[in-house]
Amino acid sequence: MLFYEGVQYKYELEKKFPGGLTCKPDFTITKPNGDVVYWEHLGLLSDPGYENKWKWKKKFYENNDISEAIGNLITSEDDRKGGLDTRVIKEKIAALKGK
């Protein structure tokens, strides 16, 4: 959907953090003004192991000044049955683009 909406992104681009830790956000988006936004799609939250890894990663992001509250992290997720609400994704993309 990012592609079809004309949003330039890098898929699983490695990001290095202080202390040498790295991670690969699902999507790294550089906005026209140079701000970087990370988008994580949470597709398996019904799996306890996946959910725990996400909780750890979210806290790690927050400790490194990446969060939805700051505005440089976007998350989307499948429902518990694996479905995806494309309307929600389109709304998040519109907000990202400033529409």
C-alpha atoms as a PDB file:
ATOM      1  CA  MET A   1       0.000   0.000   0.000  1.00  0.00           C
ATOM      2  CA  LEU A   2       2.916   2.355   0.631  1.00  0.00           C
ATOM      3  CA  PHE A   3       4.087   1.787  -2.941  1.00  0.00           C
ATOM      4  CA  TYR A   4       0.635   2.383  -4.427  1.00  0.00           C
ATOM      5  CA  GLU A   5       0.246   5.556  -2.382  1.00  0.00           C
ATOM      6  CA  GLY A   6       3.572   6.894  -3.691  1.00  0.00           C
ATOM      7  CA  VAL A   7       5.447   6.669  -0.398  1.00  0.00           C
ATOM      8  CA  GLN A   8       9.171   6.042  -0.848  1.00  0.00           C
ATOM      9  CA  TYR A   9      10.461   3.495   1.637  1.00  0.00           C
ATOM     10  CA  LYS A  10      13.225   1.017   2.363  1.00  0.00           C
ATOM     11  CA  TYR A  11      12.229  -2.484   3.455  1.00  0.00           C
ATOM     12  CA  GLU A  12      14.035  -3.964   6.465  1.00  0.00           C
ATOM     13  CA  LEU A  13      16.850  -1.414   6.313  1.00  0.00           C
ATOM     14  CA  GLU A  14      19.243  -2.111   9.178  1.00  0.00           C
ATOM     15  CA  LYS A  15      19.296   0.628  11.814  1.00  0.00           C
ATOM     16  CA  LYS A  16      22.243   0.896  14.174  1.00  0.00           C
ATOM     17  CA  PHE A  17      21.791   2.148  17.714  1.00  0.00           C
ATOM     18  CA  PRO A  18      24.259   3.346  20.350  1.00  0.00           C
ATOM     19  CA  GLY A  19      25.992   0.415  21.984  1.00  0.00           C
ATOM     20  CA  GLY A  20      26.181  -1.522  18.735  1.00  0.00           C
ATOM     21  CA  LEU A  21      22.681  -2.994  18.741  1.00  0.00           C
ATOM     22  CA  THR A  22      20.862  -3.130  15.428  1.00  0.00           C
ATOM     23  CA  CYS A  23      17.368  -3.880  14.228  1.00  0.00           C
ATOM     24  CA  LYS A  24      15.493  -3.944  10.948  1.00  0.00           C
ATOM     25  CA  PRO A  25      12.233  -2.000  11.057  1.00  0.00           C
ATOM     26  CA  ASP A  26       9.744  -3.304   8.518  1.00  0.00           C
ATOM     27  CA  PHE A  27       9.764   0.006   6.648  1.00  0.00           C
ATOM     28  CA  THR A  28      12.012   3.055   6.906  1.00  0.00           C
ATOM     29  CA  ILE A  29      10.492   6.162   5.364  1.00  0.00           C
ATOM     30  CA  THR A  30      12.353   9.409   4.826  1.00  0.00           C
ATOM     31  CA  LYS A  31       9.892  12.255   4.481  1.00  0.00           C
ATOM     32  CA  PRO A  32      10.537  15.130   2.035  1.00  0.00           C
ATOM     33  CA  ASN A  33      11.667  17.331   4.959  1.00  0.00           C
ATOM     34  CA  GLY A  34      14.307  14.728   5.921  1.00  0.00           C
ATOM     35  CA  ASP A  35      12.525  13.323   8.986  1.00  0.00           C
ATOM     36  CA  VAL A  36      12.750   9.552   9.286  1.00  0.00           C
ATOM     37  CA  VAL A  37       9.718   7.486  10.265  1.00  0.00           C
ATOM     38  CA  TYR A  38       9.746   3.768  11.031  1.00  0.00           C
ATOM     39  CA  TRP A  39       6.736   1.563  10.311  1.00  0.00           C
ATOM     40  CA  GLU A  40       6.322  -1.787  12.006  1.00  0.00           C
ATOM     41  CA  HIS A  41       3.582  -4.128  10.850  1.00  0.00           C
ATOM     42  CA  LEU A  42       2.635  -6.540  13.619  1.00  0.00           C
ATOM     43  CA  GLY A  43       1.296  -9.554  11.821  1.00  0.00           C
ATOM     44  CA  LEU A  44       1.437 -12.253  14.459  1.00  0.00           C
ATOM     45  CA  LEU A  45       0.406 -10.716  17.769  1.00  0.00           C
ATOM     46  CA  SER A  46      -1.705 -13.795  18.447  1.00  0.00           C
ATOM     47  CA  ASP A  47       1.601 -15.689  18.894  1.00  0.00           C
ATOM     48  CA  PRO A  48       2.833 -15.118  22.489  1.00  0.00           C
ATOM     49  CA  GLY A  49       6.505 -15.309  21.490  1.00  0.00           C
ATOM     50  CA  TYR A  50       6.039 -12.748  18.723  1.00  0.00           C
ATOM     51  CA  GLU A  51       4.047 -10.508  21.034  1.00  0.00           C
ATOM     52  CA  ASN A  52       6.780 -10.637  23.698  1.00  0.00           C
ATOM     53  CA  LYS A  53       9.468  -9.790  21.120  1.00  0.00           C
ATOM     54  CA  TRP A  54       7.382  -6.826  19.988  1.00  0.00           C
ATOM     55  CA  LYS A  55       6.980  -5.581  23.569  1.00  0.00           C
ATOM     56  CA  TRP A  56      10.754  -5.729  23.995  1.00  0.00           C
ATOM     57  CA  LYS A  57      11.384  -3.998  20.659  1.00  0.00           C
ATOM     58  CA  LYS A  58       8.824  -1.278  21.407  1.00  0.00           C
ATOM     59  CA  LYS A  59      10.502  -0.546  24.752  1.00  0.00           C
ATOM     60  CA  PHE A  60      13.899  -0.563  23.041  1.00  0.00           C
ATOM     61  CA  TYR A  61      12.603   1.936  20.486  1.00  0.00           C
ATOM     62  CA  GLU A  62      11.182   4.158  23.220  1.00  0.00           C
ATOM     63  CA  ASN A  63      14.520   4.098  25.049  1.00  0.00           C
ATOM     64  CA  ASN A  64      16.074   5.345  21.796  1.00  0.00           C
ATOM     65  CA  ASP A  65      13.543   8.150  21.162  1.00  0.00           C
ATOM     66  CA  ILE A  66      11.415   6.291  18.627  1.00  0.00           C
ATOM     67  CA  SER A  67       7.715   6.150  19.425  1.00  0.00           C
ATOM     68  CA  GLU A  68       4.247   6.845  18.136  1.00  0.00           C
ATOM     69  CA  ALA A  69       3.964   9.640  20.713  1.00  0.00           C
ATOM     70  CA  ILE A  70       7.018  11.376  19.244  1.00  0.00           C
ATOM     71  CA  GLY A  71       5.673  10.773  15.745  1.00  0.00           C
ATOM     72  CA  ASN A  72       8.547   8.793  14.263  1.00  0.00           C
ATOM     73  CA  LEU A  73       6.973   5.339  14.653  1.00  0.00           C
ATOM     74  CA  ILE A  74       3.874   3.981  12.981  1.00  0.00           C
ATOM     75  CA  THR A  75       2.443   0.582  13.776  1.00  0.00           C
ATOM     76  CA  SER A  76      -0.194  -1.470  12.068  1.00  0.00           C
ATOM     77  CA  GLU A  77      -1.406  -4.928  12.895  1.00  0.00           C
ATOM     78  CA  ASP A  78      -3.407  -7.871  11.727  1.00  0.00           C
ATOM     79  CA  ASP A  79      -6.412  -8.824  13.794  1.00  0.00           C
ATOM     80  CA  ARG A  80      -6.293 -12.034  15.838  1.00  0.00           C
ATOM     81  CA  LYS A  81      -7.560 -14.040  12.846  1.00  0.00           C
ATOM     82  CA  GLY A  82      -4.925 -12.642  10.463  1.00  0.00           C
ATOM     83  CA  GLY A  83      -7.169 -10.068   8.806  1.00  0.00           C
ATOM     84  CA  LEU A  84      -6.036  -6.569   7.895  1.00  0.00           C
ATOM     85  CA  ASP A  85      -8.193  -3.433   7.881  1.00  0.00           C
ATOM     86  CA  THR A  86      -6.944  -1.588   4.810  1.00  0.00           C
ATOM     87  CA  ARG A  87      -8.976   1.480   5.755  1.00  0.00           C
ATOM     88  CA  VAL A  88      -6.803   1.919   8.862  1.00  0.00           C
ATOM     89  CA  ILE A  89      -3.626   1.530   6.803  1.00  0.00           C
ATOM     90  CA  LYS A  90      -4.831   4.127   4.292  1.00  0.00           C
ATOM     91  CA  GLU A  91      -5.614   6.539   7.140  1.00  0.00           C
ATOM     92  CA  LYS A  92      -2.111   6.090   8.570  1.00  0.00           C
ATOM     93  CA  ILE A  93      -0.555   6.671   5.153  1.00  0.00           C
ATOM     94  CA  ALA A  94      -2.658   9.814   4.662  1.00  0.00           C
ATOM     95  CA  ALA A  95      -1.518  11.118   8.060  1.00  0.00           C
ATOM     96  CA  LEU A  96       2.083  10.302   7.165  1.00  0.00           C
ATOM     97  CA  LYS A  97       1.715  12.289   3.949  1.00  0.00           C
ATOM     98  CA  GLY A  98       0.088  15.162   5.838  1.00  0.00           C
ATOM     99  CA  LYS A  99      -3.320  14.817   4.250  1.00  0.00           C
END
